[in-house]
mmCIF file of all heavy atoms, coordinates in Angstrom:
data_MODEL
# 
_entry.id   MODEL 
# 
loop_
_atom_site.group_PDB 
_atom_site.id 
_atom_site.type_symbol 
_atom_site.label_atom_id 
_atom_site.label_alt_id 
_atom_site.label_comp_id 
_atom_site.label_asym_id 
_atom_site.label_entity_id 
_atom_site.label_seq_id 
_atom_site.pdbx_PDB_ins_code 
_atom_site.Cartn_x 
_atom_site.Cartn_y 
_atom_site.Cartn_z 
_atom_site.occupancy 
_atom_site.B_iso_or_equiv 
_atom_site.pdbx_formal_charge 
_atom_site.auth_seq_id 
_atom_site.auth_comp_id 
_atom_site.auth_asym_id 
_atom_site.auth_atom_id 
_atom_site.pdbx_PDB_model_num 
ATOM 1   N N   . LYS A 1 1  ? 66.138 8.887  16.340 1.00 0.00 ? 1  LYS A N   1 
ATOM 2   C CA  . LYS A 1 1  ? 65.341 7.573  16.269 1.00 0.00 ? 1  LYS A CA  1 
ATOM 3   C C   . LYS A 1 1  ? 64.774 7.297  17.632 1.00 0.00 ? 1  LYS A C   1 
ATOM 4   O O   . LYS A 1 1  ? 65.180 7.768  18.692 1.00 0.00 ? 1  LYS A O   1 
ATOM 5   C CB  . LYS A 1 1  ? 66.381 6.488  15.941 1.00 0.00 ? 1  LYS A CB  1 
ATOM 6   C CG  . LYS A 1 1  ? 67.027 6.542  14.620 1.00 0.00 ? 1  LYS A CG  1 
ATOM 7   C CD  . LYS A 1 1  ? 66.009 6.426  13.529 1.00 0.00 ? 1  LYS A CD  1 
ATOM 8   C CE  . LYS A 1 1  ? 66.853 6.471  12.136 1.00 0.00 ? 1  LYS A CE  1 
ATOM 9   N NZ  . LYS A 1 1  ? 65.819 6.560  11.147 1.00 0.00 ? 1  LYS A NZ  1 
ATOM 10  N N   . GLN A 1 2  ? 63.798 6.398  17.626 1.00 0.00 ? 2  GLN A N   1 
ATOM 11  C CA  . GLN A 1 2  ? 63.217 5.934  18.839 1.00 0.00 ? 2  GLN A CA  1 
ATOM 12  C C   . GLN A 1 2  ? 64.348 5.525  19.795 1.00 0.00 ? 2  GLN A C   1 
ATOM 13  O O   . GLN A 1 2  ? 65.226 4.777  19.409 1.00 0.00 ? 2  GLN A O   1 
ATOM 14  C CB  . GLN A 1 2  ? 62.210 4.718  18.600 1.00 0.00 ? 2  GLN A CB  1 
ATOM 15  C CG  . GLN A 1 2  ? 61.625 4.197  19.813 1.00 0.00 ? 2  GLN A CG  1 
ATOM 16  C CD  . GLN A 1 2  ? 60.682 3.009  19.483 1.00 0.00 ? 2  GLN A CD  1 
ATOM 17  O OE1 . GLN A 1 2  ? 60.361 2.712  18.388 1.00 0.00 ? 2  GLN A OE1 1 
ATOM 18  N NE2 . GLN A 1 2  ? 60.251 2.379  20.486 1.00 0.00 ? 2  GLN A NE2 1 
ATOM 19  N N   . GLY A 1 3  ? 64.207 5.864  21.059 1.00 0.00 ? 3  GLY A N   1 
ATOM 20  C CA  . GLY A 1 3  ? 65.234 5.571  22.153 1.00 0.00 ? 3  GLY A CA  1 
ATOM 21  C C   . GLY A 1 3  ? 66.415 6.509  22.327 1.00 0.00 ? 3  GLY A C   1 
ATOM 22  O O   . GLY A 1 3  ? 67.077 6.498  23.250 1.00 0.00 ? 3  GLY A O   1 
ATOM 23  N N   . ASP A 1 4  ? 66.590 7.344  21.275 1.00 0.00 ? 4  ASP A N   1 
ATOM 24  C CA  . ASP A 1 4  ? 67.635 8.287  21.415 1.00 0.00 ? 4  ASP A CA  1 
ATOM 25  C C   . ASP A 1 4  ? 67.291 9.359  22.506 1.00 0.00 ? 4  ASP A C   1 
ATOM 26  O O   . ASP A 1 4  ? 66.062 9.580  22.820 1.00 0.00 ? 4  ASP A O   1 
ATOM 27  C CB  . ASP A 1 4  ? 67.808 9.190  20.201 1.00 0.00 ? 4  ASP A CB  1 
ATOM 28  C CG  . ASP A 1 4  ? 68.461 8.450  18.966 1.00 0.00 ? 4  ASP A CG  1 
ATOM 29  O OD1 . ASP A 1 4  ? 68.920 7.334  19.210 1.00 0.00 ? 4  ASP A OD1 1 
ATOM 30  O OD2 . ASP A 1 4  ? 68.467 9.008  17.918 1.00 0.00 ? 4  ASP A OD2 1 
ATOM 31  N N   . VAL A 1 5  ? 68.294 9.948  23.189 1.00 0.00 ? 5  VAL A N   1 
ATOM 32  C CA  . VAL A 1 5  ? 67.980 10.900 24.261 1.00 0.00 ? 5  VAL A CA  1 
ATOM 33  C C   . VAL A 1 5  ? 67.308 12.040 23.533 1.00 0.00 ? 5  VAL A C   1 
ATOM 34  O O   . VAL A 1 5  ? 67.871 12.640 22.467 1.00 0.00 ? 5  VAL A O   1 
ATOM 35  C CB  . VAL A 1 5  ? 69.313 11.405 24.878 1.00 0.00 ? 5  VAL A CB  1 
ATOM 36  C CG1 . VAL A 1 5  ? 69.013 12.605 25.705 1.00 0.00 ? 5  VAL A CG1 1 
ATOM 37  C CG2 . VAL A 1 5  ? 69.873 10.249 25.651 1.00 0.00 ? 5  VAL A CG2 1 
ATOM 38  N N   . LEU A 1 6  ? 66.209 12.463 23.886 1.00 0.00 ? 6  LEU A N   1 
ATOM 39  C CA  . LEU A 1 6  ? 65.354 13.503 23.378 1.00 0.00 ? 6  LEU A CA  1 
ATOM 40  C C   . LEU A 1 6  ? 65.524 14.838 24.216 1.00 0.00 ? 6  LEU A C   1 
ATOM 41  O O   . LEU A 1 6  ? 65.908 15.899 23.655 1.00 0.00 ? 6  LEU A O   1 
ATOM 42  C CB  . LEU A 1 6  ? 63.962 13.143 23.341 1.00 0.00 ? 6  LEU A CB  1 
ATOM 43  C CG  . LEU A 1 6  ? 63.027 14.328 22.705 1.00 0.00 ? 6  LEU A CG  1 
ATOM 44  C CD1 . LEU A 1 6  ? 63.376 14.705 21.339 1.00 0.00 ? 6  LEU A CD1 1 
ATOM 45  C CD2 . LEU A 1 6  ? 61.517 13.793 22.845 1.00 0.00 ? 6  LEU A CD2 1 
ATOM 46  N N   . THR A 1 7  ? 65.357 14.739 25.453 1.00 0.00 ? 7  THR A N   1 
ATOM 47  C CA  . THR A 1 7  ? 65.659 15.838 26.417 1.00 0.00 ? 7  THR A CA  1 
ATOM 48  C C   . THR A 1 7  ? 66.258 15.511 27.656 1.00 0.00 ? 7  THR A C   1 
ATOM 49  O O   . THR A 1 7  ? 66.193 14.269 28.221 1.00 0.00 ? 7  THR A O   1 
ATOM 50  C CB  . THR A 1 7  ? 64.254 16.554 26.824 1.00 0.00 ? 7  THR A CB  1 
ATOM 51  O OG1 . THR A 1 7  ? 63.373 15.566 27.391 1.00 0.00 ? 7  THR A OG1 1 
ATOM 52  C CG2 . THR A 1 7  ? 63.502 17.048 25.587 1.00 0.00 ? 7  THR A CG2 1 
ATOM 53  N N   . VAL A 1 8  ? 66.883 16.448 28.324 1.00 0.00 ? 8  VAL A N   1 
ATOM 54  C CA  . VAL A 1 8  ? 67.667 16.156 29.642 1.00 0.00 ? 8  VAL A CA  1 
ATOM 55  C C   . VAL A 1 8  ? 67.242 17.383 30.422 1.00 0.00 ? 8  VAL A C   1 
ATOM 56  O O   . VAL A 1 8  ? 67.439 18.642 30.068 1.00 0.00 ? 8  VAL A O   1 
ATOM 57  C CB  . VAL A 1 8  ? 69.222 16.322 29.314 1.00 0.00 ? 8  VAL A CB  1 
ATOM 58  C CG1 . VAL A 1 8  ? 69.902 16.029 30.698 1.00 0.00 ? 8  VAL A CG1 1 
ATOM 59  C CG2 . VAL A 1 8  ? 69.526 15.147 28.332 1.00 0.00 ? 8  VAL A CG2 1 
ATOM 60  N N   . LEU A 1 9  ? 66.783 17.150 31.696 1.00 0.00 ? 9  LEU A N   1 
ATOM 61  C CA  . LEU A 1 9  ? 66.567 18.209 32.587 1.00 0.00 ? 9  LEU A CA  1 
ATOM 62  C C   . LEU A 1 9  ? 67.864 18.436 33.428 1.00 0.00 ? 9  LEU A C   1 
ATOM 63  O O   . LEU A 1 9  ? 68.443 17.363 33.871 1.00 0.00 ? 9  LEU A O   1 
ATOM 64  C CB  . LEU A 1 9  ? 65.475 17.861 33.619 1.00 0.00 ? 9  LEU A CB  1 
ATOM 65  C CG  . LEU A 1 9  ? 64.069 17.538 32.913 1.00 0.00 ? 9  LEU A CG  1 
ATOM 66  C CD1 . LEU A 1 9  ? 63.005 17.092 33.989 1.00 0.00 ? 9  LEU A CD1 1 
ATOM 67  C CD2 . LEU A 1 9  ? 63.616 18.773 32.222 1.00 0.00 ? 9  LEU A CD2 1 
ATOM 68  N N   . PHE A 1 10 ? 68.269 19.578 33.630 1.00 0.00 ? 10 PHE A N   1 
ATOM 69  C CA  . PHE A 1 10 ? 69.416 20.001 34.445 1.00 0.00 ? 10 PHE A CA  1 
ATOM 70  C C   . PHE A 1 10 ? 69.304 21.238 35.003 1.00 0.00 ? 10 PHE A C   1 
ATOM 71  O O   . PHE A 1 10 ? 68.553 22.082 34.574 1.00 0.00 ? 10 PHE A O   1 
ATOM 72  C CB  . PHE A 1 10 ? 70.752 19.690 33.571 1.00 0.00 ? 10 PHE A CB  1 
ATOM 73  C CG  . PHE A 1 10 ? 70.892 20.600 32.425 1.00 0.00 ? 10 PHE A CG  1 
ATOM 74  C CD1 . PHE A 1 10 ? 71.647 21.718 32.368 1.00 0.00 ? 10 PHE A CD1 1 
ATOM 75  C CD2 . PHE A 1 10 ? 70.244 20.276 31.099 1.00 0.00 ? 10 PHE A CD2 1 
ATOM 76  C CE1 . PHE A 1 10 ? 71.806 22.614 31.282 1.00 0.00 ? 10 PHE A CE1 1 
ATOM 77  C CE2 . PHE A 1 10 ? 70.378 21.026 29.993 1.00 0.00 ? 10 PHE A CE2 1 
ATOM 78  C CZ  . PHE A 1 10 ? 71.239 22.190 30.087 1.00 0.00 ? 10 PHE A CZ  1 
ATOM 79  N N   . THR A 1 11 ? 70.223 21.583 35.916 1.00 0.00 ? 11 THR A N   1 
ATOM 80  C CA  . THR A 1 11 ? 70.347 22.912 36.436 1.00 0.00 ? 11 THR A CA  1 
ATOM 81  C C   . THR A 1 11 ? 71.798 23.382 36.255 1.00 0.00 ? 11 THR A C   1 
ATOM 82  O O   . THR A 1 11 ? 72.740 22.609 36.295 1.00 0.00 ? 11 THR A O   1 
ATOM 83  C CB  . THR A 1 11 ? 70.110 23.037 37.959 1.00 0.00 ? 11 THR A CB  1 
ATOM 84  O OG1 . THR A 1 11 ? 70.902 22.081 38.698 1.00 0.00 ? 11 THR A OG1 1 
ATOM 85  C CG2 . THR A 1 11 ? 68.573 22.745 38.201 1.00 0.00 ? 11 THR A CG2 1 
ATOM 86  N N   . VAL A 1 12 ? 71.988 24.710 36.007 1.00 0.00 ? 12 VAL A N   1 
ATOM 87  C CA  . VAL A 1 12 ? 73.203 25.329 35.916 1.00 0.00 ? 12 VAL A CA  1 
ATOM 88  C C   . VAL A 1 12 ? 73.185 26.500 36.890 1.00 0.00 ? 12 VAL A C   1 
ATOM 89  O O   . VAL A 1 12 ? 72.475 27.437 36.721 1.00 0.00 ? 12 VAL A O   1 
ATOM 90  C CB  . VAL A 1 12 ? 73.572 25.833 34.478 1.00 0.00 ? 12 VAL A CB  1 
ATOM 91  C CG1 . VAL A 1 12 ? 74.809 26.578 34.335 1.00 0.00 ? 12 VAL A CG1 1 
ATOM 92  C CG2 . VAL A 1 12 ? 73.583 24.682 33.434 1.00 0.00 ? 12 VAL A CG2 1 
ATOM 93  N N   . LEU A 1 13 ? 74.142 26.333 37.941 1.00 0.00 ? 13 LEU A N   1 
ATOM 94  C CA  . LEU A 1 13 ? 74.221 27.430 38.973 1.00 0.00 ? 13 LEU A CA  1 
ATOM 95  C C   . LEU A 1 13 ? 72.721 27.753 39.492 1.00 0.00 ? 13 LEU A C   1 
ATOM 96  O O   . LEU A 1 13 ? 72.246 28.817 39.710 1.00 0.00 ? 13 LEU A O   1 
ATOM 97  C CB  . LEU A 1 13 ? 74.773 28.656 38.425 1.00 0.00 ? 13 LEU A CB  1 
ATOM 98  C CG  . LEU A 1 13 ? 76.311 28.537 37.904 1.00 0.00 ? 13 LEU A CG  1 
ATOM 99  C CD1 . LEU A 1 13 ? 76.585 29.626 36.899 1.00 0.00 ? 13 LEU A CD1 1 
ATOM 100 C CD2 . LEU A 1 13 ? 77.172 28.589 39.230 1.00 0.00 ? 13 LEU A CD2 1 
ATOM 101 N N   . GLY A 1 14 ? 72.000 26.675 39.697 1.00 0.00 ? 14 GLY A N   1 
ATOM 102 C CA  . GLY A 1 14 ? 70.640 26.765 40.293 1.00 0.00 ? 14 GLY A CA  1 
ATOM 103 C C   . GLY A 1 14 ? 69.601 27.103 39.336 1.00 0.00 ? 14 GLY A C   1 
ATOM 104 O O   . GLY A 1 14 ? 68.350 27.167 39.588 1.00 0.00 ? 14 GLY A O   1 
ATOM 105 N N   . ILE A 1 15 ? 69.809 27.403 37.974 1.00 0.00 ? 15 ILE A N   1 
ATOM 106 C CA  . ILE A 1 15 ? 68.969 27.774 36.964 1.00 0.00 ? 15 ILE A CA  1 
ATOM 107 C C   . ILE A 1 15 ? 68.461 26.568 36.282 1.00 0.00 ? 15 ILE A C   1 
ATOM 108 O O   . ILE A 1 15 ? 69.225 25.759 35.832 1.00 0.00 ? 15 ILE A O   1 
ATOM 109 C CB  . ILE A 1 15 ? 69.536 28.720 35.960 1.00 0.00 ? 15 ILE A CB  1 
ATOM 110 C CG1 . ILE A 1 15 ? 70.074 30.010 36.595 1.00 0.00 ? 15 ILE A CG1 1 
ATOM 111 C CG2 . ILE A 1 15 ? 68.566 29.038 34.830 1.00 0.00 ? 15 ILE A CG2 1 
ATOM 112 C CD1 . ILE A 1 15 ? 70.879 30.912 35.669 1.00 0.00 ? 15 ILE A CD1 1 
ATOM 113 N N   . PRO A 1 16 ? 67.059 26.284 36.300 1.00 0.00 ? 16 PRO A N   1 
ATOM 114 C CA  . PRO A 1 16 ? 66.621 25.142 35.574 1.00 0.00 ? 16 PRO A CA  1 
ATOM 115 C C   . PRO A 1 16 ? 66.645 25.199 34.154 1.00 0.00 ? 16 PRO A C   1 
ATOM 116 O O   . PRO A 1 16 ? 66.273 26.206 33.540 1.00 0.00 ? 16 PRO A O   1 
ATOM 117 C CB  . PRO A 1 16 ? 65.121 25.056 36.170 1.00 0.00 ? 16 PRO A CB  1 
ATOM 118 C CG  . PRO A 1 16 ? 64.766 26.363 36.613 1.00 0.00 ? 16 PRO A CG  1 
ATOM 119 C CD  . PRO A 1 16 ? 66.101 27.113 36.963 1.00 0.00 ? 16 PRO A CD  1 
ATOM 120 N N   . CYS A 1 17 ? 67.160 24.138 33.643 1.00 0.00 ? 17 CYS A N   1 
ATOM 121 C CA  . CYS A 1 17 ? 67.268 24.085 32.097 1.00 0.00 ? 17 CYS A CA  1 
ATOM 122 C C   . CYS A 1 17 ? 66.691 22.758 31.481 1.00 0.00 ? 17 CYS A C   1 
ATOM 123 O O   . CYS A 1 17 ? 66.656 21.811 32.273 1.00 0.00 ? 17 CYS A O   1 
ATOM 124 C CB  . CYS A 1 17 ? 68.777 24.242 31.652 1.00 0.00 ? 17 CYS A CB  1 
ATOM 125 S SG  . CYS A 1 17 ? 69.512 25.725 32.190 1.00 0.00 ? 17 CYS A SG  1 
ATOM 126 N N   . ILE A 1 18 ? 66.474 22.813 30.246 1.00 0.00 ? 18 ILE A N   1 
ATOM 127 C CA  . ILE A 1 18 ? 66.133 21.491 29.640 1.00 0.00 ? 18 ILE A CA  1 
ATOM 128 C C   . ILE A 1 18 ? 66.965 21.546 28.250 1.00 0.00 ? 18 ILE A C   1 
ATOM 129 O O   . ILE A 1 18 ? 66.984 22.512 27.607 1.00 0.00 ? 18 ILE A O   1 
ATOM 130 C CB  . ILE A 1 18 ? 64.657 21.225 29.251 1.00 0.00 ? 18 ILE A CB  1 
ATOM 131 C CG1 . ILE A 1 18 ? 64.318 20.016 28.650 1.00 0.00 ? 18 ILE A CG1 1 
ATOM 132 C CG2 . ILE A 1 18 ? 64.054 22.492 28.531 1.00 0.00 ? 18 ILE A CG2 1 
ATOM 133 C CD1 . ILE A 1 18 ? 62.924 19.621 28.557 1.00 0.00 ? 18 ILE A CD1 1 
ATOM 134 N N   . GLY A 1 19 ? 67.693 20.412 28.170 1.00 0.00 ? 19 GLY A N   1 
ATOM 135 C CA  . GLY A 1 19 ? 68.397 20.401 26.859 1.00 0.00 ? 19 GLY A CA  1 
ATOM 136 C C   . GLY A 1 19 ? 67.621 19.555 25.840 1.00 0.00 ? 19 GLY A C   1 
ATOM 137 O O   . GLY A 1 19 ? 67.169 18.429 26.210 1.00 0.00 ? 19 GLY A O   1 
ATOM 138 N N   . LEU A 1 20 ? 67.351 19.974 24.664 1.00 0.00 ? 20 LEU A N   1 
ATOM 139 C CA  . LEU A 1 20 ? 66.623 19.434 23.732 1.00 0.00 ? 20 LEU A CA  1 
ATOM 140 C C   . LEU A 1 20 ? 67.428 19.095 22.537 1.00 0.00 ? 20 LEU A C   1 
ATOM 141 O O   . LEU A 1 20 ? 68.165 19.940 21.871 1.00 0.00 ? 20 LEU A O   1 
ATOM 142 C CB  . LEU A 1 20 ? 65.578 20.374 23.136 1.00 0.00 ? 20 LEU A CB  1 
ATOM 143 C CG  . LEU A 1 20 ? 64.768 19.994 21.919 1.00 0.00 ? 20 LEU A CG  1 
ATOM 144 C CD1 . LEU A 1 20 ? 63.953 18.763 22.153 1.00 0.00 ? 20 LEU A CD1 1 
ATOM 145 C CD2 . LEU A 1 20 ? 63.915 21.048 21.437 1.00 0.00 ? 20 LEU A CD2 1 
ATOM 146 N N   . ASN A 1 21 ? 67.540 17.800 22.115 1.00 0.00 ? 21 ASN A N   1 
ATOM 147 C CA  . ASN A 1 21 ? 68.249 17.335 21.080 1.00 0.00 ? 21 ASN A CA  1 
ATOM 148 C C   . ASN A 1 21 ? 67.443 17.499 19.854 1.00 0.00 ? 21 ASN A C   1 
ATOM 149 O O   . ASN A 1 21 ? 66.865 16.621 19.316 1.00 0.00 ? 21 ASN A O   1 
ATOM 150 C CB  . ASN A 1 21 ? 68.720 15.863 21.186 1.00 0.00 ? 21 ASN A CB  1 
ATOM 151 C CG  . ASN A 1 21 ? 69.799 15.742 22.131 1.00 0.00 ? 21 ASN A CG  1 
ATOM 152 O OD1 . ASN A 1 21 ? 70.801 16.629 22.172 1.00 0.00 ? 21 ASN A OD1 1 
ATOM 153 N ND2 . ASN A 1 21 ? 70.011 14.556 22.902 1.00 0.00 ? 21 ASN A ND2 1 
ATOM 154 N N   . GLY A 1 22 ? 67.440 18.731 19.283 1.00 0.00 ? 22 GLY A N   1 
ATOM 155 C CA  . GLY A 1 22 ? 66.556 19.043 18.261 1.00 0.00 ? 22 GLY A CA  1 
ATOM 156 C C   . GLY A 1 22 ? 67.101 18.899 16.875 1.00 0.00 ? 22 GLY A C   1 
ATOM 157 O O   . GLY A 1 22 ? 66.557 19.200 15.842 1.00 0.00 ? 22 GLY A O   1 
ATOM 158 N N   . GLY A 1 23 ? 68.514 18.709 16.851 1.00 0.00 ? 23 GLY A N   1 
ATOM 159 C CA  . GLY A 1 23 ? 69.061 18.536 15.512 1.00 0.00 ? 23 GLY A CA  1 
ATOM 160 C C   . GLY A 1 23 ? 69.911 19.770 15.050 1.00 0.00 ? 23 GLY A C   1 
ATOM 161 O O   . GLY A 1 23 ? 70.091 20.734 15.865 1.00 0.00 ? 23 GLY A O   1 
ATOM 162 N N   . PRO A 1 24 ? 70.425 19.827 13.799 1.00 0.00 ? 24 PRO A N   1 
ATOM 163 C CA  . PRO A 1 24 ? 71.366 20.855 13.448 1.00 0.00 ? 24 PRO A CA  1 
ATOM 164 C C   . PRO A 1 24 ? 70.589 22.133 12.979 1.00 0.00 ? 24 PRO A C   1 
ATOM 165 O O   . PRO A 1 24 ? 71.286 23.100 12.553 1.00 0.00 ? 24 PRO A O   1 
ATOM 166 C CB  . PRO A 1 24 ? 72.037 20.261 12.276 1.00 0.00 ? 24 PRO A CB  1 
ATOM 167 C CG  . PRO A 1 24 ? 70.985 19.341 11.772 1.00 0.00 ? 24 PRO A CG  1 
ATOM 168 C CD  . PRO A 1 24 ? 70.318 18.827 12.949 1.00 0.00 ? 24 PRO A CD  1 
ATOM 169 N N   . ALA A 1 25 ? 69.279 22.294 13.006 1.00 0.00 ? 25 ALA A N   1 
ATOM 170 C CA  . ALA A 1 25 ? 68.605 23.417 12.353 1.00 0.00 ? 25 ALA A CA  1 
ATOM 171 C C   . ALA A 1 25 ? 68.984 24.734 13.051 1.00 0.00 ? 25 ALA A C   1 
ATOM 172 O O   . ALA A 1 25 ? 68.957 25.710 12.403 1.00 0.00 ? 25 ALA A O   1 
ATOM 173 C CB  . ALA A 1 25 ? 67.032 23.204 12.372 1.00 0.00 ? 25 ALA A CB  1 
ATOM 174 N N   . PHE A 1 26 ? 69.103 24.751 14.379 1.00 0.00 ? 26 PHE A N   1 
ATOM 175 C CA  . PHE A 1 26 ? 69.235 25.981 15.098 1.00 0.00 ? 26 PHE A CA  1 
ATOM 176 C C   . PHE A 1 26 ? 70.559 25.947 15.818 1.00 0.00 ? 26 PHE A C   1 
ATOM 177 O O   . PHE A 1 26 ? 70.937 24.984 16.473 1.00 0.00 ? 26 PHE A O   1 
ATOM 178 C CB  . PHE A 1 26 ? 68.119 26.270 16.063 1.00 0.00 ? 26 PHE A CB  1 
ATOM 179 C CG  . PHE A 1 26 ? 66.798 26.379 15.329 1.00 0.00 ? 26 PHE A CG  1 
ATOM 180 C CD1 . PHE A 1 26 ? 65.856 25.438 15.344 1.00 0.00 ? 26 PHE A CD1 1 
ATOM 181 C CD2 . PHE A 1 26 ? 66.560 27.564 14.526 1.00 0.00 ? 26 PHE A CD2 1 
ATOM 182 C CE1 . PHE A 1 26 ? 64.617 25.477 14.744 1.00 0.00 ? 26 PHE A CE1 1 
ATOM 183 C CE2 . PHE A 1 26 ? 65.330 27.625 13.905 1.00 0.00 ? 26 PHE A CE2 1 
ATOM 184 C CZ  . PHE A 1 26 ? 64.389 26.675 13.945 1.00 0.00 ? 26 PHE A CZ  1 
# 
């Protein structure tokens, strides 16, 4: 829904990542 966390930028051991809350499909 509107306002839910959609994406999060983060790094793991210096590696840039983006977490996408895309749902249960994958």
